[in-house]
């Protein structure tokens, strides 16, 4: 089976100059990675799951730091919309953290992954419907480009693993760099030991 290549969050190949286009593309990348994890076996499943965990972690952190604060100020009913998304993100992070502690060949892994996938897809649809469409309508192209740059910068510094309970911009700014450093150190050690999983 061929491996689906997904740009790493913060990768310079992600040249989107519109935050909505950037985030929508990442939603597609996430869907593709869920497919890859479900269809793969053995080491290929583990490797695909590692990429999925990383993409979800950095994507959600960037939304929490950049997109949600903007939506609170600029989207009608923004506080309620964002609070609902943050609750969904916390639940998904808890499930993802539990999966991250499991072996990908555990019999319970795929059923839990499918539940996570359904929750993540529902969350993405809600973001697209209640946040992204209003951001696109209410922001000038220069602001969309500025937000995209902010998302990429946040992703470059984001933790690579889920940290439930850290769903606000303030918490991310306070704890994000430390968590990101710890996650990246753990990732490097695993790679050095030949255990990317």
Protein backbone atom coordinates (compact mmCIF):
# COMPACT_ATOMS: atom_id res chain seq x y z
CA UNK A 1 0.00 0.00 0.00
CA UNK A 2 1.35 3.44 -0.82
CA UNK A 3 1.82 5.89 1.99
CA UNK A 4 -0.27 9.04 1.87
CA UNK A 5 2.04 12.01 2.17
CA UNK A 6 0.69 14.75 4.38
CA UNK A 7 2.40 18.06 4.91
CA UNK A 8 3.61 18.47 8.45
CA UNK A 9 1.97 21.33 10.27
CA UNK A 10 4.18 24.36 9.94
CA UNK A 11 5.80 22.90 6.79
CA UNK A 12 6.84 25.54 4.27
CA UNK A 13 5.12 23.56 1.50
CA UNK A 14 1.81 24.65 3.08
CA UNK A 15 1.79 27.98 1.26
CA UNK A 16 -1.87 28.76 1.81
CA UNK A 17 -2.43 32.47 2.20
CA UNK A 18 -6.00 32.07 3.41
CA UNK A 19 -6.57 30.63 6.88
CA UNK A 20 -9.83 28.97 5.89
CA UNK A 21 -8.24 27.25 2.89
CA UNK A 22 -5.31 26.15 5.05
CA UNK A 23 -7.54 24.67 7.77
CA UNK A 24 -9.90 23.03 5.28
CA UNK A 25 -6.91 21.37 3.58
CA UNK A 26 -5.74 20.11 6.96
CA UNK A 27 -9.21 18.71 7.66
CA UNK A 28 -8.82 16.74 4.42
CA UNK A 29 -5.34 15.58 5.46
CA UNK A 30 -6.78 14.38 8.78
CA UNK A 31 -9.54 12.43 6.99
CA UNK A 32 -6.92 10.82 4.73
CA UNK A 33 -4.76 9.85 7.69
CA UNK A 34 -7.72 8.24 9.46
CA UNK A 35 -8.22 6.17 6.27
CA UNK A 36 -4.55 5.22 6.20
CA UNK A 37 -4.51 4.16 9.86
CA UNK A 38 -7.65 2.03 9.44
CA UNK A 39 -6.40 0.31 6.29
CA UNK A 40 -2.81 -0.30 7.38
CA UNK A 41 -1.44 -3.06 9.58
CA UNK A 42 1.64 -3.57 11.73
CA UNK A 43 4.36 -0.94 11.57
CA UNK A 44 2.57 0.94 8.78
CA UNK A 45 -0.48 1.42 11.04
CA UNK A 46 1.70 2.57 13.91
CA UNK A 47 3.57 5.05 11.69
CA UNK A 48 0.35 6.43 10.18
CA UNK A 49 -1.15 6.79 13.65
CA UNK A 50 1.94 8.73 14.84
CA UNK A 51 1.46 11.16 11.94
CA UNK A 52 -2.26 11.45 12.74
CA UNK A 53 -1.59 12.19 16.42
CA UNK A 54 0.94 14.86 15.48
CA UNK A 55 -1.28 16.53 12.90
CA UNK A 56 -4.31 16.57 15.21
CA UNK A 57 -2.27 17.96 18.10
CA UNK A 58 -0.67 20.82 16.18
CA UNK A 59 -3.83 21.60 14.20
CA UNK A 60 -6.00 21.93 17.30
CA UNK A 61 -3.38 23.97 19.15
CA UNK A 62 -3.19 26.46 16.28
CA UNK A 63 -6.97 26.76 16.15
CA UNK A 64 -7.06 27.33 19.91
CA UNK A 65 -4.35 30.01 19.77
CA UNK A 66 -5.31 31.85 16.57
CA UNK A 67 -8.69 30.95 15.09
CA UNK A 68 -10.90 30.65 18.17
CA UNK A 69 -9.83 34.00 19.69
CA UNK A 70 -10.54 35.69 16.35
CA UNK A 71 -13.91 33.92 16.10
CA UNK A 72 -14.86 35.04 19.63
CA UNK A 73 -14.45 38.65 18.51
CA UNK A 74 -15.72 38.49 14.93
CA UNK A 75 -18.26 35.66 14.57
CA UNK A 76 -21.89 36.26 15.62
CA UNK A 77 -22.37 34.47 18.95
CA UNK A 78 -18.63 33.79 18.93
CA UNK A 79 -18.26 32.98 22.62
CA UNK A 80 -20.87 30.22 22.49
CA UNK A 81 -19.57 28.89 19.16
CA UNK A 82 -16.00 28.70 20.46
CA UNK A 83 -16.98 27.24 23.84
CA UNK A 84 -18.80 24.42 22.03
CA UNK A 85 -15.74 23.76 19.82
CA UNK A 86 -13.42 23.75 22.85
CA UNK A 87 -15.60 21.17 24.61
CA UNK A 88 -15.44 18.98 21.50
CA UNK A 89 -11.66 19.44 21.28
CA UNK A 90 -11.17 18.45 24.92
CA UNK A 91 -13.21 15.26 24.47
CA UNK A 92 -11.26 14.39 21.32
CA UNK A 93 -7.93 15.04 23.05
CA UNK A 94 -8.92 12.73 25.90
CA UNK A 95 -9.80 9.95 23.47
CA UNK A 96 -6.66 10.58 21.42
CA UNK A 97 -4.48 10.51 24.55
CA UNK A 98 -6.00 7.16 25.54
CA UNK A 99 -5.38 5.78 22.04
CA UNK A 100 -1.85 7.16 22.08
CA UNK A 101 -1.15 4.93 25.06
CA UNK A 102 -2.39 1.78 23.29
CA UNK A 103 -0.63 -0.52 20.89
CA UNK A 104 -2.10 -0.10 17.41
CA UNK A 105 -2.60 -3.89 17.18
CA UNK A 106 -4.68 -3.96 20.39
CA UNK A 107 -8.16 -5.40 19.59
CA UNK A 108 -9.77 -2.30 21.15
CA UNK A 109 -7.69 0.12 19.06
CA UNK A 110 -9.75 0.19 15.84
CA UNK A 111 -13.18 0.51 17.52
CA UNK A 112 -11.87 3.42 19.60
CA UNK A 113 -10.19 4.96 16.56
CA UNK A 114 -13.49 4.81 14.63
CA UNK A 115 -15.28 6.55 17.51
CA UNK A 116 -12.59 9.23 17.55
CA UNK A 117 -12.88 9.60 13.79
CA UNK A 118 -16.65 10.17 14.01
CA UNK A 119 -16.15 12.76 16.77
CA UNK A 120 -13.34 14.55 14.90
CA UNK A 121 -15.38 14.66 11.68
CA UNK A 122 -18.40 16.06 13.51
CA UNK A 123 -16.14 18.65 15.15
CA UNK A 124 -14.61 19.61 11.80
CA UNK A 125 -18.06 20.05 10.22
CA UNK A 126 -19.09 22.29 13.13
CA UNK A 127 -15.96 24.41 12.73
CA UNK A 128 -16.53 24.73 9.01
CA UNK A 129 -20.19 25.64 9.47
CA UNK A 130 -20.10 27.87 12.55
CA UNK A 131 -16.63 29.41 12.41
CA UNK A 132 -14.91 29.16 9.05
CA UNK A 133 -17.79 30.37 6.89
CA UNK A 134 -18.21 33.47 9.06
CA UNK A 135 -14.48 34.13 9.14
CA UNK A 136 -14.34 33.92 5.34
CA UNK A 137 -17.32 36.29 4.99
CA UNK A 138 -16.17 38.79 7.59
CA UNK A 139 -12.43 39.06 7.04
CA UNK A 140 -10.55 40.84 4.28
CA UNK A 141 -8.01 38.81 2.27
CA UNK A 142 -5.14 40.48 4.15
CA UNK A 143 -6.62 39.35 7.48
CA UNK A 144 -7.15 35.81 6.16
CA UNK A 145 -3.48 35.77 5.11
CA UNK A 146 -2.37 37.14 8.47
CA UNK A 147 -4.38 34.48 10.31
CA UNK A 148 -2.85 31.78 8.08
CA UNK A 149 0.64 32.99 9.03
CA UNK A 150 -0.41 32.92 12.69
CA UNK A 151 -1.69 29.36 12.36
CA UNK A 152 1.57 28.20 10.76
CA UNK A 153 3.63 29.90 13.47
CA UNK A 154 1.51 28.33 16.22
CA UNK A 155 1.82 24.90 14.59
CA UNK A 156 5.60 25.22 14.44
CA UNK A 157 5.70 25.63 18.23
CA UNK A 158 2.80 23.32 19.13
CA UNK A 159 3.01 20.12 21.17
CA UNK A 160 3.05 16.98 19.03
CA UNK A 161 0.80 15.02 21.38
CA UNK A 162 -2.64 15.72 22.84
CA UNK A 163 -2.77 17.55 26.18
CA UNK A 164 -6.38 17.44 27.43
CA UNK A 165 -7.27 20.44 29.55
CA UNK A 166 -5.14 22.83 27.51
CA UNK A 167 -7.79 24.19 25.16
CA UNK A 168 -7.46 27.96 25.51
CA UNK A 169 -5.03 30.38 23.93
CA UNK A 170 -3.85 31.41 27.42
CA UNK A 171 -3.19 27.83 28.51
CA UNK A 172 -1.47 27.04 25.22
CA UNK A 173 0.81 30.06 25.52
CA UNK A 174 1.61 29.22 29.16
CA UNK A 175 2.12 25.47 28.78
CA UNK A 176 2.55 24.96 25.03
CA UNK A 177 6.29 25.61 24.70
CA UNK A 178 7.14 23.29 27.61
CA UNK A 179 4.79 20.55 26.36
CA UNK A 180 6.09 20.98 22.82
CA UNK A 181 9.70 20.62 23.96
CA UNK A 182 8.86 17.52 26.01
CA UNK A 183 6.89 15.99 23.12
CA UNK A 184 9.62 16.69 20.58
CA UNK A 185 12.25 15.24 22.92
CA UNK A 186 10.13 12.08 23.38
CA UNK A 187 9.66 11.88 19.59
CA UNK A 188 13.43 12.18 19.00
CA UNK A 189 14.22 9.50 21.59
CA UNK A 190 11.69 7.12 20.06
CA UNK A 191 13.10 7.70 16.57
CA UNK A 192 16.67 7.17 17.84
CA UNK A 193 15.62 3.89 19.44
CA UNK A 194 13.83 2.79 16.27
CA UNK A 195 10.47 2.96 18.04
CA UNK A 196 8.44 5.64 16.31
CA UNK A 197 5.32 4.65 18.19
